[in-house]
Amino acid sequence: MRLRVLAAALVATLAAGLAACSSGPTNAAPTAAGTSAAADAAFPATVATKFGDVTINAKPTKVVALGWGDAETALALGVQPVGASDWLGFGGEGVGPWAKGLYTTPPVIIGTMEPSFEKIAALKPDLILDVKGSGDQARYDRLKSIAPTIGVPKGGDSYLTNQQQQLSMIAAALGEKAKGEALAKEVTDAFTAAAAAHPGWKGKTVSAVTKTADSWGAYVDGSERVTFLQNLGFVQNPRIAAMQANSSGFSVTLSPENLDQADADVIVAFPIFIETAKLTGDAAWKAVPAVKAGRAVVIDGDISSAYSLGTTLATKYAIDQLVPKLAAVVK
């Protein structure tokens, strides 16, 4: 069973918090700059961020995408970054199978938590995307000294930028608002169709659970992993919702002794930095009533990566792959 390496920064944030307490649009390859006259007419464009408004005077032609999922979002909008961060350790072009074939020229792969600013500068970008990231001021200041940088939105620190914010901000910066709206509708329609096909899911409780080498955790409102399941009709496990989120802001820590708090009508779980068998074979996991009753779905590999990445391309892939698994355990 292949274990996908999850993104260093997001996973490190989650793991630290836990330890403290416990099919895409068309496959035609986008161009490096995009070519539509409508896009050219979209400039100058101003994008609001936590760090203030950023104005882009002309359509970017050399984009470096550093944030979690920022490169895939640009690709989905028809723009090929010249440099990109590979948060999920895909290798190659740094994208999942749902985005294969969207590059005609592979990007230069840049580091994630500690990118090489020299490598970024050498690419001579005219726009840097760091939309879903830590929100660190020093990092932003260094990046904006290289090129105009779209950082996190207000409230987006610690990778809390949601899919709609990420999509709309990047679409505005690239002059592709219409494409962004179309992509958002595709995702909404996919969720609507899946929920309509499974009306029995409406109102059923769900927990999104993870296990690291040291502890267990569950995601809360603010995490797109929970939003994904809510969009299918499920509601968050109220016991998890009532817990105090840890420093990450998007998860709570659970211990083997209180893992039963994750019991719900259905559980979706995945491992972080451990083999899947370390999760499924754990005695505390096997003792959870939903698990004993066969109402748990454990995901890994590309499905887990798509579920965690949260871009429009990845989300549609995750819907296609995860919905049948959910249908097999909850009616």
Protein backbone atom coordinates (compact mmCIF):
# COMPACT_ATOMS: atom_id res chain seq x y z
CA MET A 1 0.00 0.00 0.00
CA ARG A 2 1.52 3.27 -1.10
CA LEU A 3 1.94 5.91 1.58
CA ARG A 4 1.72 9.43 0.24
CA VAL A 5 3.95 11.91 2.00
CA LEU A 6 1.63 14.64 3.25
CA ALA A 7 2.58 18.28 3.06
CA ALA A 8 5.31 19.18 5.49
CA ALA A 9 3.93 22.46 6.77
CA LEU A 10 0.32 21.53 7.14
CA VAL A 11 1.12 18.15 8.59
CA ALA A 12 3.73 19.62 10.91
CA THR A 13 1.18 22.13 12.15
CA LEU A 14 -1.38 19.40 12.71
CA ALA A 15 1.08 17.00 14.27
CA ALA A 16 2.35 19.69 16.63
CA GLY A 17 -1.20 20.48 17.67
CA LEU A 18 -1.98 16.83 18.18
CA ALA A 19 1.18 16.25 20.18
CA ALA A 20 0.43 19.18 22.41
CA CYS A 21 -2.81 17.58 23.50
CA SER A 22 -2.94 14.35 22.06
CA SER A 23 -12.19 14.69 -13.02
CA GLY A 24 -11.04 18.27 -13.65
CA PRO A 25 -11.82 20.75 -16.37
CA THR A 26 -10.64 20.01 -19.88
CA ASN A 27 -7.28 18.33 -20.13
CA ALA A 28 -6.01 20.76 -22.73
CA ALA A 29 -2.73 22.11 -21.39
CA PRO A 30 -2.95 25.71 -20.18
CA THR A 31 -0.53 28.27 -21.49
CA ALA A 32 2.19 29.83 -19.40
CA ALA A 33 0.52 33.20 -19.49
CA GLY A 34 -3.04 32.56 -20.60
CA THR A 35 -4.18 34.23 -23.80
CA SER A 36 -7.74 35.51 -23.60
CA ALA A 37 -8.51 39.12 -24.46
CA ALA A 38 -11.03 39.11 -21.62
CA ALA A 39 -8.23 38.27 -19.22
CA ASP A 40 -6.09 41.13 -20.54
CA ALA A 41 -9.02 43.48 -19.98
CA ALA A 42 -9.16 42.42 -16.33
CA PHE A 43 -6.10 44.51 -15.44
CA PRO A 44 -5.16 46.30 -13.37
CA ALA A 45 -6.52 43.86 -10.78
CA THR A 46 -6.54 44.36 -7.03
CA VAL A 47 -6.62 41.44 -4.58
CA ALA A 48 -7.28 41.91 -0.86
CA THR A 49 -4.97 39.97 1.46
CA LYS A 50 -4.11 39.88 5.15
CA PHE A 51 -1.11 42.04 4.28
CA GLY A 52 -3.15 44.67 2.43
CA ASP A 53 -4.37 45.12 -1.11
CA VAL A 54 -2.09 43.95 -3.92
CA THR A 55 -2.47 45.45 -7.39
CA ILE A 56 -1.35 43.59 -10.49
CA ASN A 57 -1.05 46.01 -13.40
CA ALA A 58 -0.81 43.54 -16.28
CA LYS A 59 -1.49 39.88 -16.90
CA PRO A 60 1.29 37.84 -15.28
CA THR A 61 3.49 35.84 -17.63
CA LYS A 62 5.83 34.17 -15.11
CA VAL A 63 4.02 32.89 -12.03
CA VAL A 64 5.61 31.13 -9.07
CA ALA A 65 3.05 29.22 -6.98
CA LEU A 66 4.15 28.38 -3.44
CA GLY A 67 1.00 27.91 -1.36
CA TRP A 68 -0.73 24.62 -0.58
CA GLY A 69 -2.60 23.81 -3.83
CA ASP A 70 -1.82 27.19 -5.43
CA ALA A 71 -0.06 25.64 -8.44
CA GLU A 72 -2.96 23.29 -9.19
CA THR A 73 -5.39 26.17 -8.85
CA ALA A 74 -3.41 28.21 -11.39
CA LEU A 75 -3.28 25.20 -13.72
CA ALA A 76 -7.03 24.72 -13.48
CA LEU A 77 -7.41 28.38 -14.49
CA GLY A 78 -5.24 27.86 -17.56
CA VAL A 79 -1.92 29.23 -16.31
CA GLN A 80 1.25 27.15 -15.96
CA PRO A 81 3.49 28.27 -13.09
CA VAL A 82 7.19 28.44 -13.93
CA GLY A 83 7.97 27.48 -10.34
CA ALA A 84 5.87 25.52 -7.86
CA SER A 85 5.97 23.83 -4.45
CA ASP A 86 5.23 20.11 -4.24
CA TRP A 87 3.49 19.94 -0.86
CA LEU A 88 2.33 16.34 -1.15
CA GLY A 89 5.55 14.84 -2.45
CA PHE A 90 4.08 13.78 -5.80
CA GLY A 91 7.42 14.16 -7.55
CA GLY A 92 7.81 15.07 -11.21
CA GLU A 93 5.67 18.11 -11.95
CA GLY A 94 4.45 18.24 -8.35
CA VAL A 95 0.78 17.53 -9.09
CA GLY A 96 -1.61 14.66 -8.51
CA PRO A 97 -3.04 12.38 -11.22
CA TRP A 98 -6.08 14.64 -11.53
CA ALA A 99 -3.80 17.36 -12.95
CA LYS A 100 -1.58 15.22 -15.16
CA GLY A 101 -1.01 16.64 -18.63
CA LEU A 102 -1.77 20.24 -17.70
CA TYR A 103 1.87 21.28 -17.93
CA THR A 104 3.63 21.50 -21.27
CA THR A 105 6.82 22.68 -19.56
CA PRO A 106 7.50 21.23 -16.08
CA PRO A 107 7.92 23.85 -13.35
CA VAL A 108 11.02 24.35 -11.28
CA ILE A 109 10.15 22.70 -7.96
CA ILE A 110 10.55 25.05 -5.00
CA GLY A 111 10.70 24.09 -1.32
CA THR A 112 7.61 24.32 0.87
CA MET A 113 8.13 25.56 4.42
CA GLU A 114 11.60 26.92 3.68
CA PRO A 115 11.67 27.80 -0.02
CA SER A 116 14.86 28.93 -1.72
CA PHE A 117 14.33 32.63 -2.24
CA GLU A 118 17.36 32.66 -4.52
CA LYS A 119 15.78 29.99 -6.73
CA ILE A 120 12.54 31.96 -6.83
CA ALA A 121 14.34 35.19 -7.76
CA ALA A 122 16.27 33.41 -10.51
CA LEU A 123 12.97 32.61 -12.23
CA LYS A 124 12.27 36.37 -12.51
CA PRO A 125 8.57 36.00 -11.66
CA ASP A 126 6.12 38.81 -12.16
CA LEU A 127 3.69 37.26 -9.65
CA ILE A 128 4.10 34.99 -6.62
CA LEU A 129 1.18 33.04 -5.18
CA ASP A 130 1.33 32.13 -1.49
CA VAL A 131 -2.41 32.14 -0.95
CA LYS A 132 -2.81 29.04 1.19
CA GLY A 133 0.08 29.19 3.60
CA SER A 134 1.31 30.05 7.06
CA GLY A 135 0.64 33.77 6.83
CA ASP A 136 4.11 34.45 8.21
CA GLN A 137 5.02 38.13 7.88
CA ALA A 138 8.76 37.61 7.38
CA ARG A 139 8.15 35.09 4.59
CA TYR A 140 5.72 37.47 2.90
CA ASP A 141 8.11 40.40 3.16
CA ARG A 142 10.90 38.40 1.56
CA LEU A 143 8.66 37.21 -1.27
CA LYS A 144 7.23 40.63 -2.07
CA SER A 145 10.77 41.97 -2.36
CA ILE A 146 11.12 39.61 -5.35
CA ALA A 147 7.76 40.20 -7.05
CA PRO A 148 4.16 41.19 -6.24
CA THR A 149 2.89 38.49 -3.91
CA ILE A 150 -0.65 37.36 -3.17
CA GLY A 151 -0.54 36.14 0.42
CA VAL A 152 -3.21 34.65 2.65
CA PRO A 153 -6.56 36.39 3.15
CA LYS A 154 -7.58 37.79 6.51
CA GLY A 155 -8.20 34.85 8.82
CA GLY A 156 -6.20 32.56 6.54
CA ASP A 157 -3.14 32.00 8.76
CA SER A 158 -2.08 28.40 9.41
CA TYR A 159 -3.36 27.16 6.03
CA LEU A 160 -6.97 28.11 6.76
CA THR A 161 -7.60 29.71 3.36
CA ASN A 162 -10.64 27.85 2.06
CA GLN A 163 -11.16 26.61 -1.48
CA GLN A 164 -13.42 29.47 -2.54
CA GLN A 165 -11.02 32.09 -1.20
CA GLN A 166 -8.05 30.44 -2.86
CA LEU A 167 -9.85 30.09 -6.17
CA SER A 168 -11.30 33.60 -6.26
CA MET A 169 -8.06 35.31 -5.19
CA ILE A 170 -5.91 33.45 -7.69
CA ALA A 171 -8.49 33.87 -10.47
CA ALA A 172 -8.54 37.63 -9.84
CA ALA A 173 -4.74 37.86 -9.81
CA LEU A 174 -4.51 35.94 -13.09
CA GLY A 175 -7.36 37.80 -14.78
CA GLU A 176 -9.47 34.65 -14.99
CA LYS A 177 -12.52 35.45 -12.88
CA ALA A 178 -14.96 33.84 -15.32
CA LYS A 179 -12.96 30.60 -15.34
CA GLY A 180 -12.83 30.70 -11.56
CA GLU A 181 -16.59 31.03 -11.32
CA ALA A 182 -17.03 28.14 -13.75
CA LEU A 183 -14.69 25.92 -11.73
CA ALA A 184 -16.51 26.78 -8.51
CA LYS A 185 -19.82 25.82 -10.15
CA GLU A 186 -18.36 22.49 -11.32
CA VAL A 187 -17.43 21.59 -7.75
CA THR A 188 -20.78 22.76 -6.36
CA ASP A 189 -22.63 20.76 -8.99
CA ALA A 190 -20.56 17.65 -8.25
CA PHE A 191 -21.34 17.87 -4.53
CA THR A 192 -25.02 18.56 -5.23
CA ALA A 193 -25.28 15.53 -7.50
CA ALA A 194 -23.54 13.26 -5.00
CA ALA A 195 -25.72 14.44 -2.11
CA ALA A 196 -28.88 14.06 -4.20
CA ALA A 197 -27.88 10.50 -5.05
CA HIS A 198 -27.56 9.68 -1.34
CA PRO A 199 -30.40 11.49 0.47
CA GLY A 200 -30.02 9.17 3.46
CA TRP A 201 -26.75 10.89 4.35
CA LYS A 202 -28.47 14.16 5.20
CA GLY A 203 -28.12 14.87 8.91
CA LYS A 204 -25.97 11.84 9.71
CA THR A 205 -23.01 12.56 11.94
CA VAL A 206 -19.44 12.23 10.70
CA SER A 207 -15.94 12.46 12.14
CA ALA A 208 -12.83 13.14 10.06
CA VAL A 209 -10.05 11.39 11.97
CA THR A 210 -6.31 11.08 11.53
CA LYS A 211 -3.47 9.24 13.23
CA THR A 212 0.21 10.16 13.41
CA ALA A 213 2.99 8.14 14.98
CA ASP A 214 2.32 9.89 18.30
CA SER A 215 -1.37 10.62 18.57
CA TRP A 216 -4.87 10.74 17.17
CA GLY A 217 -6.78 13.81 16.04
CA ALA A 218 -10.01 14.93 14.43
CA TYR A 219 -10.70 17.86 12.13
CA VAL A 220 -13.20 20.56 13.00
CA ASP A 221 -15.11 23.29 11.19
CA GLY A 222 -12.61 25.41 9.30
CA SER A 223 -10.93 22.37 7.80
CA GLU A 224 -11.93 21.56 4.25
CA ARG A 225 -11.92 17.89 5.19
CA VAL A 226 -14.99 18.56 7.31
CA THR A 227 -16.50 20.93 4.74
CA PHE A 228 -16.14 18.22 2.10
CA LEU A 229 -18.27 15.83 4.16
CA GLN A 230 -20.78 18.53 5.10
CA ASN A 231 -21.26 19.25 1.40
CA LEU A 232 -22.39 15.65 1.01
CA GLY A 233 -25.11 16.15 3.64
CA PHE A 234 -23.30 14.96 6.77
CA VAL A 235 -23.05 17.02 9.95
CA GLN A 236 -20.02 17.21 12.17
CA ASN A 237 -19.94 14.94 15.19
CA PRO A 238 -21.19 17.27 17.96
CA ARG A 239 -18.76 15.84 20.51
CA ILE A 240 -15.82 16.79 18.29
CA ALA A 241 -17.39 20.16 17.50
CA ALA A 242 -17.63 20.95 21.21
CA MET A 243 -13.90 20.41 21.80
CA GLN A 244 -11.37 23.22 21.89
CA ALA A 245 -9.35 23.35 18.66
CA ASN A 246 -5.61 23.08 19.13
CA SER A 247 -3.10 25.67 17.92
CA SER A 248 -3.54 24.64 14.29
CA GLY A 249 -7.08 25.99 14.39
CA PHE A 250 -8.49 23.14 12.32
CA SER A 251 -8.17 20.05 14.53
CA VAL A 252 -8.53 18.68 18.02
CA THR A 253 -6.34 16.12 19.70
CA LEU A 254 -7.62 12.74 20.80
CA SER A 255 -5.93 10.07 22.85
CA PRO A 256 -6.42 6.31 22.71
CA GLU A 257 -8.43 6.68 25.92
CA ASN A 258 -10.95 9.13 24.44
CA LEU A 259 -10.89 8.07 20.79
CA ASP A 260 -14.47 6.89 21.28
CA GLN A 261 -15.44 10.58 21.18
CA ALA A 262 -14.99 10.24 17.42
CA ASP A 263 -17.79 7.68 17.25
CA ALA A 264 -20.40 8.82 14.72
CA ASP A 265 -22.75 7.50 12.07
CA VAL A 266 -19.69 7.31 9.83
CA ILE A 267 -15.97 7.97 10.25
CA VAL A 268 -13.49 8.93 7.54
CA ALA A 269 -9.89 8.39 8.63
CA PHE A 270 -6.41 8.50 7.17
CA PRO A 271 -2.83 8.08 8.40
CA ILE A 272 -0.15 10.80 8.47
CA PHE A 273 3.49 9.74 8.14
CA ILE A 274 2.66 6.15 9.12
CA GLU A 275 1.59 3.03 7.29
CA THR A 276 -2.16 2.55 7.04
CA ALA A 277 -1.91 -0.68 9.03
CA LYS A 278 -0.72 1.33 12.03
CA LEU A 279 -4.12 2.99 12.03
CA THR A 280 -6.37 0.08 11.15
CA GLY A 281 -4.58 -2.29 13.50
CA ASP A 282 -4.66 0.01 16.50
CA ALA A 283 -6.65 -1.44 19.42
CA ALA A 284 -8.26 1.91 20.29
CA TRP A 285 -9.42 2.33 16.70
CA LYS A 286 -10.90 -1.13 16.54
CA ALA A 287 -12.81 -0.48 19.77
CA VAL A 288 -14.73 2.55 18.40
CA PRO A 289 -18.37 1.47 17.91
CA ALA A 290 -18.64 2.80 14.35
CA VAL A 291 -15.49 0.90 13.40
CA LYS A 292 -16.77 -2.31 14.98
CA ALA A 293 -20.04 -1.85 13.11
CA GLY A 294 -18.27 -1.39 9.76
CA ARG A 295 -19.20 2.27 9.36
CA ALA A 296 -15.67 3.61 8.86
CA VAL A 297 -13.77 4.43 5.69
CA VAL A 298 -9.97 4.52 5.81
CA ILE A 299 -8.30 6.28 2.88
CA ASP A 300 -4.70 6.64 1.82
CA GLY A 301 -2.61 7.27 -1.30
CA ASP A 302 -4.09 9.48 -3.99
CA ILE A 303 -7.56 9.56 -2.41
CA SER A 304 -6.17 10.86 0.87
CA SER A 305 -4.03 13.38 -0.99
CA ALA A 306 -6.96 14.66 -3.04
CA TYR A 307 -9.20 14.84 0.04
CA SER A 308 -6.54 16.81 1.90
CA LEU A 309 -5.40 19.10 -0.93
CA GLY A 310 -8.79 20.70 -1.45
CA THR A 311 -8.25 22.29 -4.87
CA THR A 312 -11.08 22.17 -7.39
CA LEU A 313 -9.33 19.48 -9.43
CA ALA A 314 -8.48 17.39 -6.37
CA THR A 315 -11.94 17.80 -4.86
CA LYS A 316 -13.70 16.46 -7.92
CA TYR A 317 -11.31 13.50 -7.95
CA ALA A 318 -11.99 12.92 -4.25
CA ILE A 319 -15.75 13.04 -4.82
CA ASP A 320 -15.47 10.42 -7.55
CA GLN A 321 -13.29 8.14 -5.41
CA LEU A 322 -14.63 8.65 -1.88
CA VAL A 323 -18.38 8.76 -2.45
CA PRO A 324 -18.58 5.07 -3.51
CA LYS A 325 -16.60 4.10 -0.42
CA LEU A 326 -18.99 6.05 1.80
CA ALA A 327 -21.97 4.52 0.03
CA ALA A 328 -20.65 1.06 0.87
CA VAL A 329 -20.72 1.70 4.62
CA VAL A 330 -23.57 4.16 5.23
CA LYS A 331 -26.96 4.18 3.57
